[in-house]
Protein backbone atom coordinates (compact mmCIF):
# COMPACT_ATOMS: atom_id res chain seq x y z
CA MET A 1 0.00 0.00 0.00
CA PRO A 2 1.45 3.41 -0.93
CA GLY A 3 2.43 5.81 1.78
CA GLU A 4 0.45 8.90 2.65
CA GLY A 5 0.68 11.52 -0.10
CA GLU A 6 2.19 9.14 -2.67
CA VAL A 7 0.66 9.02 -6.14
CA VAL A 8 -0.96 5.66 -6.89
CA ARG A 9 0.34 4.14 -10.13
CA TYR A 10 -1.10 0.94 -11.52
CA ARG A 11 1.10 -1.56 -13.33
CA SER A 12 -1.73 -2.57 -15.65
CA VAL A 13 -5.08 -1.34 -16.91
CA TRP A 14 -8.09 -2.38 -14.86
CA PRO A 15 -10.03 -5.31 -16.37
CA LEU A 16 -12.69 -4.16 -18.81
CA SER A 17 -15.36 -5.97 -16.75
CA LEU A 18 -14.42 -3.96 -13.64
CA LEU A 19 -14.45 -0.69 -15.57
CA ALA A 20 -17.87 -1.60 -16.98
CA LEU A 21 -19.17 -2.46 -13.51
CA LYS A 22 -17.97 0.88 -12.13
CA SER A 23 -19.55 2.85 -15.00
CA THR A 24 -22.83 0.95 -14.78
CA ALA A 25 -23.11 1.35 -11.01
CA CYS A 26 -22.51 5.10 -11.29
CA ALA A 27 -24.93 5.52 -14.19
CA LEU A 28 -27.81 3.69 -12.50
CA ALA A 29 -27.50 5.24 -9.03
CA PHE A 30 -29.33 8.38 -7.94
CA THR A 31 -27.14 11.47 -7.94
CA ARG A 32 -25.81 12.33 -4.49
CA THR A 33 -24.62 15.79 -5.50
CA PRO A 34 -26.77 18.71 -4.32
CA GLY A 35 -26.91 22.03 -6.11
CA PHE A 36 -24.00 23.42 -4.12
CA GLN A 37 -20.48 22.37 -3.13
CA THR A 38 -19.27 23.61 0.27
CA PRO A 39 -22.23 24.80 2.36
CA SER A 40 -21.87 28.55 2.74
CA GLU A 41 -22.98 28.33 6.37
CA PHE A 42 -19.58 26.77 7.26
CA LEU A 43 -17.28 29.02 5.21
CA GLU A 44 -16.42 31.26 8.18
CA ASN A 45 -16.26 28.52 10.80
CA PRO A 46 -16.26 24.81 9.81
CA SER A 47 -17.67 23.87 13.23
CA GLN A 48 -20.56 26.31 13.50
CA SER A 49 -23.39 26.98 11.07
CA SER A 50 -23.80 30.71 10.51
CA ARG A 51 -27.51 30.12 9.88
CA LEU A 52 -28.28 28.78 13.32
CA THR A 53 -28.07 31.01 16.37
CA ALA A 54 -25.79 29.98 19.22
CA PRO A 55 -28.52 28.35 21.38
CA PHE A 56 -29.53 26.05 18.51
CA ARG A 57 -25.90 24.98 17.91
CA LYS A 58 -25.34 23.83 21.49
CA HIS A 59 -24.89 20.02 21.78
CA VAL A 60 -25.17 19.74 17.98
CA ARG A 61 -22.31 18.56 15.76
CA PRO A 62 -21.68 20.41 12.44
CA LYS A 63 -23.17 17.48 10.51
CA LYS A 64 -26.47 17.73 12.38
CA GLN A 65 -26.45 21.54 12.26
CA HIS A 66 -26.34 21.30 8.48
CA GLU A 67 -29.11 18.70 8.38
CA ILE A 68 -31.62 20.42 10.63
CA ARG A 69 -31.06 23.75 8.91
CA ARG A 70 -31.64 22.20 5.48
CA LEU A 71 -34.54 19.94 6.39
CA GLY A 72 -36.34 21.90 8.85
CA GLU A 73 -33.51 13.24 16.42
CA GLY A 74 -34.39 15.34 18.98
CA HIS A 75 -32.50 18.33 17.62
CA LEU A 76 -34.77 18.54 14.56
CA SER A 77 -37.94 18.60 16.65
CA ARG A 78 -36.38 21.21 18.93
CA PHE A 79 -35.48 23.46 16.01
CA MET A 80 -38.91 23.12 14.37
CA SER A 81 -40.80 23.89 17.57
CA LEU A 82 -38.66 26.42 19.45
CA GLY A 83 -37.04 27.88 16.33
CA LEU A 84 -39.82 27.84 13.74
CA GLY A 85 -42.85 28.04 16.03
CA LEU A 86 -44.45 24.77 14.88
CA LEU A 87 -46.42 22.29 16.97
CA VAL A 88 -44.19 19.22 17.02
CA LYS A 89 -44.71 15.71 18.36
CA SER A 90 -41.55 13.60 18.67
CA ILE A 91 -41.83 9.79 18.84
CA GLU A 92 -38.98 7.88 20.51
CA GLY A 93 -38.85 4.34 21.85
CA ASP A 94 -36.04 4.86 24.38
CA GLN A 95 -37.14 6.47 27.65
CA ARG A 96 -33.59 7.62 28.42
CA LEU A 97 -33.29 9.50 25.13
CA VAL A 98 -36.66 11.18 25.74
CA GLN A 99 -35.55 12.34 29.18
CA ARG A 100 -32.33 13.72 27.71
CA ALA A 101 -34.29 15.50 24.96
CA GLN A 102 -36.60 17.10 27.53
CA ARG A 103 -33.58 18.31 29.50
CA LEU A 104 -32.05 19.83 26.35
CA ASP A 105 -35.41 21.46 25.54
CA GLN A 106 -35.33 23.26 28.88
CA GLU A 107 -31.69 24.30 28.40
CA LEU A 108 -32.50 25.78 25.00
CA LEU A 109 -35.63 27.52 26.29
CA GLN A 110 -33.62 29.15 29.08
CA ALA A 111 -30.92 30.22 26.61
CA LEU A 112 -33.52 31.78 24.30
CA GLU A 113 -35.10 33.67 27.21
CA LYS A 114 -31.68 35.05 28.17
CA GLU A 115 -31.16 36.18 24.57
CA GLU A 116 -34.48 38.02 24.64
CA LYS A 117 -33.56 39.81 27.85
CA ARG A 118 -30.23 40.90 26.34
CA HIS A 119 -31.91 42.11 23.16
CA PRO A 120 -35.40 43.32 24.15
CA GLN A 121 -35.70 45.34 20.92
CA VAL A 122 -35.78 42.17 18.81
CA VAL A 123 -39.35 41.08 18.12
CA ARG A 124 -40.00 37.34 18.17
CA ALA A 125 -40.93 36.26 14.65
CA SER A 126 -43.08 33.27 15.66
CA PRO A 127 -44.71 31.71 18.71
CA ARG A 128 -42.62 29.35 20.76
CA TYR A 129 -43.67 25.81 21.64
CA SER A 130 -41.72 23.05 23.32
CA PRO A 131 -41.73 19.69 21.52
CA HIS A 132 -44.21 17.12 22.78
CA HIS A 133 -42.21 13.95 23.41
CA VAL A 134 -43.86 10.53 23.33
CA VAL A 135 -42.21 7.28 24.42
CA ARG A 136 -43.51 4.72 21.98
CA TRP A 137 -42.24 1.88 19.78
CA VAL A 138 -43.84 1.85 16.35
CA GLU A 139 -44.39 -1.20 14.16
CA PRO A 140 -43.73 -1.08 10.38
CA THR A 141 -46.96 -2.92 9.54
CA ALA A 142 -49.35 -1.23 12.01
CA LEU A 143 -50.67 2.30 12.40
CA CYS A 144 -49.72 4.26 15.50
CA GLU A 145 -52.75 6.23 16.71
CA GLU A 146 -50.56 8.32 19.02
CA LEU A 147 -48.61 9.55 16.01
CA LEU A 148 -51.79 10.83 14.33
CA LEU A 149 -53.40 12.59 17.31
CA PRO A 150 -53.30 16.40 16.82
CA LEU A 151 -51.63 18.59 19.43
CA ASP A 152 -54.06 21.45 18.84
CA THR A 153 -57.57 20.16 19.61
CA SER A 154 -59.33 23.54 19.53
CA PRO A 155 -62.51 23.65 17.40
CA GLN A 156 -61.05 26.17 14.97
CA SER A 157 -57.89 24.15 14.26
CA ARG A 158 -57.46 22.05 11.14
CA ALA A 159 -55.57 18.87 11.88
CA ARG A 160 -52.95 18.81 9.12
CA LEU A 161 -49.82 16.82 9.81
CA LEU A 162 -46.34 16.80 8.29
CA LEU A 163 -44.49 13.57 8.98
CA THR A 164 -40.73 14.00 9.05
CA GLY A 165 -37.82 11.80 9.99
CA LEU A 166 -34.20 12.89 9.88
CA HIS A 167 -32.34 9.61 9.53
CA ALA A 168 -35.24 7.53 10.81
CA CYS A 169 -33.60 4.19 11.57
CA GLY A 170 -34.59 1.01 9.76
CA ASP A 171 -38.32 0.30 9.88
CA LEU A 172 -39.13 3.75 11.28
CA SER A 173 -38.83 5.21 7.77
CA VAL A 174 -41.19 2.49 6.51
CA THR A 175 -43.66 3.33 9.29
CA LEU A 176 -43.73 6.97 8.19
CA LEU A 177 -44.56 5.90 4.64
CA ARG A 178 -47.41 3.67 5.80
CA HIS A 179 -48.89 6.53 7.85
CA PHE A 180 -48.74 8.90 4.90
CA SER A 181 -52.01 7.49 3.50
CA CYS A 182 -53.92 8.65 6.59
CA PRO A 183 -56.24 11.63 5.83
CA GLN A 184 -54.69 13.84 8.55
CA VAL A 185 -51.27 13.72 6.87
CA VAL A 186 -50.67 16.19 4.05
CA ALA A 187 -46.92 15.91 3.47
CA LEU A 188 -43.87 13.83 4.30
CA ALA A 189 -40.12 14.47 4.39
CA SER A 190 -38.06 11.40 5.19
CA VAL A 191 -34.33 10.67 5.25
CA GLY A 192 -33.67 7.00 5.97
CA CYS A 193 -30.68 5.18 7.41
CA CYS A 194 -29.65 1.79 8.84
CA TYR A 195 -31.06 -0.18 5.91
CA MET A 196 -29.65 -3.41 7.37
CA LYS A 197 -32.24 -3.13 10.18
CA LEU A 198 -35.20 -3.33 7.80
CA SER A 199 -37.61 -6.18 8.53
CA ASP A 200 -37.77 -8.96 5.98
CA PRO A 201 -40.52 -9.14 4.94
CA GLY A 202 -42.26 -5.89 5.83
CA GLY A 203 -39.54 -3.27 5.38
CA TYR A 204 -38.45 -4.12 1.83
CA PRO A 205 -39.77 -4.32 -0.80
CA LEU A 206 -42.78 -2.02 -0.38
CA SER A 207 -43.78 -1.35 -3.98
CA GLN A 208 -45.44 -3.84 -6.31
CA TRP A 209 -43.02 -2.87 -9.07
CA VAL A 210 -39.85 -3.75 -7.15
CA ALA A 211 -41.48 -6.85 -5.65
CA GLY A 212 -42.03 -8.06 -9.23
CA LEU A 213 -38.39 -7.68 -10.25
CA PRO A 214 -36.47 -10.97 -10.57
CA GLY A 215 -33.63 -11.05 -8.04
CA HIS A 216 -34.82 -7.99 -6.12
CA GLU A 217 -33.77 -9.51 -2.80
CA LEU A 218 -31.13 -7.58 -0.85
CA PRO A 219 -29.21 -9.65 1.74
CA TYR A 220 -27.95 -8.10 4.95
CA ARG A 221 -24.41 -7.52 3.65
CA LEU A 222 -25.60 -5.38 0.73
CA ARG A 223 -27.99 -3.35 2.86
CA GLU A 224 -25.29 -2.79 5.48
CA GLY A 225 -22.82 -1.65 2.83
CA ALA A 226 -25.30 0.94 1.57
CA CYS A 227 -25.05 2.75 4.92
CA HIS A 228 -21.36 3.66 4.72
CA ALA A 229 -19.94 7.14 4.18
CA LEU A 230 -18.58 6.94 0.63
CA GLU A 231 -17.01 10.39 0.45
CA GLU A 232 -15.23 9.94 3.77
CA TYR A 233 -13.95 6.51 2.73
CA ALA A 234 -12.72 7.82 -0.64
CA GLU A 235 -10.72 10.46 1.22
CA ARG A 236 -9.19 7.79 3.44
CA LEU A 237 -8.24 5.76 0.37
CA GLN A 238 -6.52 8.75 -1.21
CA LYS A 239 -4.51 9.36 1.95
CA SER A 240 -3.74 5.62 2.27
CA GLY A 241 -3.26 6.03 5.99
CA PRO A 242 -3.09 3.30 8.64
CA GLY A 243 -6.76 3.90 9.52
CA LEU A 244 -7.72 1.54 6.70
CA ARG A 245 -6.45 -1.28 8.89
CA THR A 246 -9.78 -1.18 10.76
CA HIS A 247 -11.51 -3.31 8.10
CA CYS A 248 -8.95 -6.11 8.35
CA TYR A 249 -9.03 -6.07 12.15
CA ARG A 250 -12.83 -6.18 12.21
CA ALA A 251 -12.87 -9.13 9.80
CA ALA A 252 -10.39 -10.99 11.99
CA LEU A 253 -12.50 -10.24 15.06
CA GLU A 254 -15.55 -11.71 13.32
CA THR A 255 -13.72 -15.02 12.75
CA VAL A 256 -12.87 -15.18 16.46
CA ILE A 257 -16.44 -14.36 17.50
CA ARG A 258 -17.91 -17.04 15.24
CA GLY A 259 -15.43 -19.58 16.52
CA ALA A 260 -16.34 -18.81 20.14
CA GLN A 261 -20.10 -18.34 19.68
CA PRO A 262 -21.33 -19.35 16.17
CA GLU A 263 -24.88 -18.10 16.73
CA LEU A 264 -23.63 -14.54 17.38
CA ARG A 265 -23.59 -13.01 13.91
CA ARG A 266 -22.56 -9.45 13.04
CA PRO A 267 -22.71 -8.00 16.58
CA GLY A 268 -22.38 -4.26 16.82
CA VAL A 269 -18.87 -3.24 17.86
CA GLN A 270 -18.77 0.38 18.88
CA GLY A 271 -15.78 2.34 17.62
CA ILE A 272 -12.51 1.34 19.26
CA PRO A 273 -10.25 4.41 19.39
CA ARG A 274 -6.87 4.55 17.67
CA VAL A 275 -7.18 1.11 16.10
CA HIS A 276 -4.11 1.58 13.92
CA GLU A 277 -1.92 1.88 17.02
CA LEU A 278 -3.04 -1.49 18.42
CA LYS A 279 -1.67 -4.92 17.76
CA ILE A 280 -4.30 -7.12 16.16
CA GLU A 281 -4.60 -9.33 19.25
CA GLU A 282 -5.16 -6.24 21.43
CA TYR A 283 -7.94 -5.10 19.13
CA VAL A 284 -9.60 -8.53 19.18
CA ARG A 285 -9.59 -8.65 22.98
CA ARG A 286 -11.17 -5.20 23.20
CA GLY A 287 -13.71 -6.20 20.58
CA LEU A 288 -14.62 -9.39 22.47
CA ARG A 289 -15.28 -7.31 25.56
CA ARG A 290 -17.52 -4.94 23.55
CA VAL A 291 -19.76 -7.81 22.40
CA GLY A 292 -20.00 -9.44 25.82
CA LEU A 293 -17.52 -12.29 25.30
CA ASP A 294 -14.56 -13.22 27.46
CA PRO A 295 -11.61 -11.03 26.38
CA GLN A 296 -9.23 -13.63 27.82
CA LEU A 297 -10.24 -16.32 25.34
CA PRO A 298 -7.17 -18.17 24.04
CA LEU A 299 -6.18 -16.62 20.72
CA ASN A 300 -4.24 -18.07 17.83
CA VAL A 301 -1.91 -15.10 17.37
CA ALA A 302 -0.22 -16.66 14.32
CA ALA A 303 -3.60 -17.00 12.59
CA LEU A 304 -4.49 -13.41 13.45
CA GLN A 305 -1.19 -12.18 12.03
CA ALA A 306 -1.90 -14.19 8.88
CA HIS A 307 -5.21 -12.34 8.62
CA GLN A 308 -3.39 -9.03 9.03
CA ALA A 309 -1.08 -9.94 6.16
CA GLN A 310 -4.19 -9.86 3.93
CA GLU A 311 -4.86 -6.21 4.83
CA ASN A 312 -4.58 -4.89 1.28
CA ARG A 313 -6.90 -7.56 -0.09
CA VAL A 314 -9.49 -6.73 2.59
CA VAL A 315 -9.36 -3.06 1.63
CA ALA A 316 -9.79 -3.99 -2.06
CA PHE A 317 -12.78 -6.21 -1.25
CA PHE A 318 -14.37 -3.50 0.92
CA SER A 319 -13.85 -0.93 -1.84
CA LEU A 320 -15.58 -3.18 -4.37
CA ALA A 321 -18.49 -3.61 -1.97
CA LEU A 322 -18.81 0.16 -1.59
CA LEU A 323 -18.76 0.53 -5.37
CA LEU A 324 -22.20 -1.09 -5.33
CA ALA A 325 -23.43 0.78 -2.24
CA PRO A 326 -25.06 3.74 -4.07
CA LEU A 327 -26.81 1.29 -6.38
CA VAL A 328 -28.25 -0.65 -3.44
CA GLU A 329 -29.40 2.55 -1.73
CA THR A 330 -30.97 3.65 -5.01
CA LEU A 331 -33.03 0.45 -5.21
CA ILE A 332 -34.24 0.83 -1.60
CA LEU A 333 -35.19 4.48 -2.08
CA LEU A 334 -36.71 3.87 -5.51
CA ASP A 335 -38.88 1.20 -3.91
CA ARG A 336 -40.13 3.77 -1.38
CA LEU A 337 -40.71 6.40 -4.05
CA LEU A 338 -42.72 3.97 -6.18
CA TYR A 339 -44.69 2.79 -3.15
CA VAL A 340 -45.94 6.34 -2.59
CA GLN A 341 -46.68 6.89 -6.27
CA GLU A 342 -48.53 3.58 -6.59
CA GLN A 343 -51.01 4.92 -4.02
CA GLY A 344 -51.74 7.91 -6.23
CA PHE A 345 -49.63 10.46 -4.37
CA TYR A 346 -46.77 12.71 -5.51
CA ALA A 347 -43.15 12.15 -4.49
CA GLU A 348 -39.59 13.05 -5.39
CA LEU A 349 -36.12 12.20 -4.10
CA LEU A 350 -33.76 15.14 -3.66
CA PRO A 351 -30.10 15.37 -2.54
CA ILE A 352 -30.41 18.32 -0.16
CA PHE A 353 -27.48 17.69 2.20
CA SER A 354 -23.79 17.87 1.44
CA PRO A 355 -22.73 14.19 1.16
CA ALA A 356 -19.38 15.05 2.72
CA LEU A 357 -21.21 16.14 5.89
CA SER A 358 -24.21 13.82 5.71
CA PRO A 359 -23.72 10.58 3.73
CA ARG A 360 -27.47 9.73 3.78
CA ASN A 361 -28.36 12.92 1.95
CA LEU A 362 -31.39 11.95 -0.16
CA VAL A 363 -34.73 13.13 1.20
CA LEU A 364 -38.01 11.60 0.06
CA VAL A 365 -40.56 14.42 -0.18
CA ALA A 366 -44.20 13.44 -0.71
CA THR A 367 -47.46 15.36 -0.92
CA LYS A 368 -51.06 14.57 -1.80
CA ARG A 369 -51.23 17.40 -4.32
CA PRO A 370 -48.84 18.16 -7.19
CA LEU A 371 -45.52 19.35 -5.80
CA GLY A 372 -45.14 22.12 -8.37
CA GLU A 373 -42.19 24.46 -8.25
CA ALA A 374 -41.85 24.41 -4.47
CA LEU A 375 -39.40 21.52 -4.55
CA SER A 376 -36.98 23.39 -6.77
CA LEU A 377 -36.29 25.68 -3.82
CA LEU A 378 -34.98 22.74 -1.80
CA GLU A 379 -32.32 22.13 -4.44
CA MET A 380 -30.89 25.63 -3.95
CA GLU A 381 -28.39 25.93 -1.12
CA ASP A 382 -29.50 29.44 -0.18
CA SER A 383 -33.20 28.58 0.23
């Protein structure tokens, strides 16, 4: 593997079949490029969006600042309610996350009140509501009545709901689509993620068209690959740094896990810091501890070192898998788009986030009336 900063030179031309695969995958995938390059909100400070005031940036990484400003989770609901003056109901299945969101709501509300006292001449542009948080698990094949209940029950109110999910995990995105047919719902904006967590069947396919395609099945490995950050990985490849070793180490860890407990497949291993500085056996022991196995299991160090010797081949295999990732994501999102259209509604997929900041940057926008020219504004960075 070339050192950092070295120019990669190939000794031979890539096989024609590989070049054809690359061109075909790129041609058939949805474009991930929005109508702007570097978001102007980060030109002055790469860590702080200039389009969100300081209280709304607190506890929010630049990636999420960019997403909530463009689309509108807890931070999204907080921005829409306390920032835009909308009545917002937030559904979350984890009680601990709801409690944390409520605490952050109060922090933000106090910060906004302090701002008003410091600048009494500034007139508030919209009313201010705190998000209404609900602890509830939702099922992909059943309607959630709690989700559809209006917050404003006054006689003069018209119950019109916008369903939105900013990186709604797995089946949660599917649930939003199924609720879209309810009469109270007038529009939907959904950005999915964690495609490997989709139920099978139930989460994919949704549309009759995709269900009728021969070979439409997407195994776990393909759906998992479609969740990776392509732009970030391409940058790592160009730098050819030691961080690429992670893929080889993780593959070696999987062989140890399956040898110790065969029924434990693809367990989640949270990020282990500074992997490239660890010996492979040190990484494996830390990984075993992360998945609840005995870190003192006897290890075949020679076998692990033999795995490490295949590092370059693992990187090549992983790169080929990611070559297909946009195509797999396209099929999943196309299925959702067609599902909405098959019900007689209107929908489009738009790349509204910078993929360098937010890899899952395609938003499915759906309405029950023709979308018209309104969607074109979402494609402009300054809207």
